[in-house]
């Protein structure tokens, strides 16, 4: 990544079908943010 700063990366979080749609959306966002923060 440091050698190619123009590289675009898409990070997406996933959940299973248990729980409400809103709760799963929040959980997906939190998981994706955790991965992004790791790379940062």
N, C-alpha and C. Protein backbone atom coordinates (compact mmCIF):
# COMPACT_ATOMS: atom_id res chain seq x y z
N UNK A 1 0.82 -1.19 0.00
CA UNK A 1 0.00 0.00 0.00
C UNK A 1 0.86 1.25 0.00
N UNK A 2 1.96 1.20 0.72
CA UNK A 2 2.82 2.38 0.75
C UNK A 2 3.48 2.60 -0.60
N UNK A 3 3.74 1.52 -1.33
CA UNK A 3 4.38 1.64 -2.64
C UNK A 3 3.39 2.08 -3.71
N UNK A 4 2.12 1.91 -3.48
CA UNK A 4 1.11 2.29 -4.45
C UNK A 4 -0.02 3.05 -3.74
N UNK A 5 0.21 4.32 -3.41
CA UNK A 5 -0.78 5.07 -2.64
C UNK A 5 -2.09 5.34 -3.39
N UNK A 6 -2.12 5.11 -4.70
CA UNK A 6 -3.34 5.33 -5.48
C UNK A 6 -4.23 4.10 -5.54
N UNK A 7 -3.79 3.04 -4.90
CA UNK A 7 -4.56 1.80 -4.85
C UNK A 7 -5.86 2.03 -4.09
N UNK A 8 -6.97 1.59 -4.67
CA UNK A 8 -8.26 1.72 -4.01
C UNK A 8 -8.65 0.37 -3.43
N UNK A 9 -9.07 0.38 -2.18
CA UNK A 9 -9.46 -0.84 -1.49
C UNK A 9 -10.88 -0.68 -0.97
N UNK A 10 -11.70 -1.69 -1.18
CA UNK A 10 -13.06 -1.68 -0.69
C UNK A 10 -13.16 -2.69 0.45
N UNK A 11 -13.58 -2.24 1.61
CA UNK A 11 -13.73 -3.11 2.78
C UNK A 11 -15.21 -3.18 3.13
N UNK A 12 -15.70 -4.41 3.27
CA UNK A 12 -17.11 -4.61 3.54
C UNK A 12 -17.25 -5.57 4.71
N UNK A 13 -18.20 -5.31 5.59
CA UNK A 13 -18.46 -6.19 6.72
C UNK A 13 -19.69 -7.03 6.44
N UNK A 14 -19.73 -8.22 6.97
CA UNK A 14 -20.85 -9.13 6.74
C UNK A 14 -21.38 -9.67 8.06
N UNK A 15 -22.65 -10.05 8.05
CA UNK A 15 -23.29 -10.68 9.20
C UNK A 15 -24.13 -11.85 8.70
N UNK A 16 -24.67 -12.62 9.62
CA UNK A 16 -25.62 -13.65 9.23
C UNK A 16 -27.03 -13.06 9.30
N UNK A 17 -28.04 -13.89 9.15
CA UNK A 17 -29.41 -13.37 9.09
C UNK A 17 -30.09 -13.27 10.46
N UNK A 18 -29.37 -13.60 11.53
CA UNK A 18 -29.98 -13.47 12.85
C UNK A 18 -29.92 -12.02 13.31
N UNK A 19 -30.89 -11.60 14.05
CA UNK A 19 -30.94 -10.21 14.51
C UNK A 19 -31.70 -9.33 13.53
N UNK A 20 -31.99 -8.13 13.96
CA UNK A 20 -32.74 -7.20 13.11
C UNK A 20 -31.84 -6.64 12.00
N UNK A 21 -32.47 -6.15 10.96
CA UNK A 21 -31.71 -5.58 9.84
C UNK A 21 -30.86 -4.40 10.30
N UNK A 22 -31.41 -3.55 11.15
CA UNK A 22 -30.67 -2.38 11.64
C UNK A 22 -29.48 -2.81 12.48
N UNK A 23 -29.68 -3.79 13.35
CA UNK A 23 -28.57 -4.28 14.18
C UNK A 23 -27.47 -4.89 13.31
N UNK A 24 -27.86 -5.66 12.29
CA UNK A 24 -26.87 -6.26 11.40
C UNK A 24 -26.14 -5.21 10.57
N UNK A 25 -26.84 -4.16 10.17
CA UNK A 25 -26.20 -3.08 9.42
C UNK A 25 -25.15 -2.39 10.29
N UNK A 26 -25.50 -2.13 11.53
CA UNK A 26 -24.56 -1.51 12.47
C UNK A 26 -23.36 -2.42 12.70
N UNK A 27 -23.62 -3.70 12.91
CA UNK A 27 -22.54 -4.65 13.14
C UNK A 27 -21.62 -4.76 11.93
N UNK A 28 -22.19 -4.78 10.73
CA UNK A 28 -21.39 -4.82 9.50
C UNK A 28 -20.48 -3.61 9.41
N UNK A 29 -21.03 -2.43 9.71
CA UNK A 29 -20.23 -1.20 9.65
C UNK A 29 -19.10 -1.24 10.68
N UNK A 30 -19.40 -1.73 11.87
CA UNK A 30 -18.37 -1.82 12.91
C UNK A 30 -17.25 -2.77 12.50
N UNK A 31 -17.61 -3.89 11.90
CA UNK A 31 -16.60 -4.85 11.45
C UNK A 31 -15.73 -4.27 10.35
N UNK A 32 -16.34 -3.59 9.40
CA UNK A 32 -15.57 -2.98 8.32
C UNK A 32 -14.66 -1.88 8.86
N UNK A 33 -15.15 -1.09 9.79
CA UNK A 33 -14.32 -0.04 10.40
C UNK A 33 -13.15 -0.63 11.18
N UNK A 34 -13.36 -1.75 11.84
CA UNK A 34 -12.27 -2.39 12.58
C UNK A 34 -11.16 -2.83 11.64
N UNK A 35 -11.53 -3.38 10.50
CA UNK A 35 -10.52 -3.80 9.51
C UNK A 35 -9.80 -2.57 8.95
N UNK A 36 -10.55 -1.54 8.60
CA UNK A 36 -9.93 -0.32 8.06
C UNK A 36 -8.97 0.29 9.08
N UNK A 37 -9.37 0.34 10.33
CA UNK A 37 -8.50 0.90 11.38
C UNK A 37 -7.23 0.07 11.55
N UNK A 38 -7.33 -1.22 11.38
CA UNK A 38 -6.14 -2.08 11.47
C UNK A 38 -5.13 -1.69 10.40
N UNK A 39 -5.60 -1.48 9.18
CA UNK A 39 -4.69 -1.13 8.09
C UNK A 39 -4.14 0.28 8.23
N UNK A 40 -4.93 1.18 8.80
CA UNK A 40 -4.47 2.56 8.98
C UNK A 40 -3.40 2.58 10.05
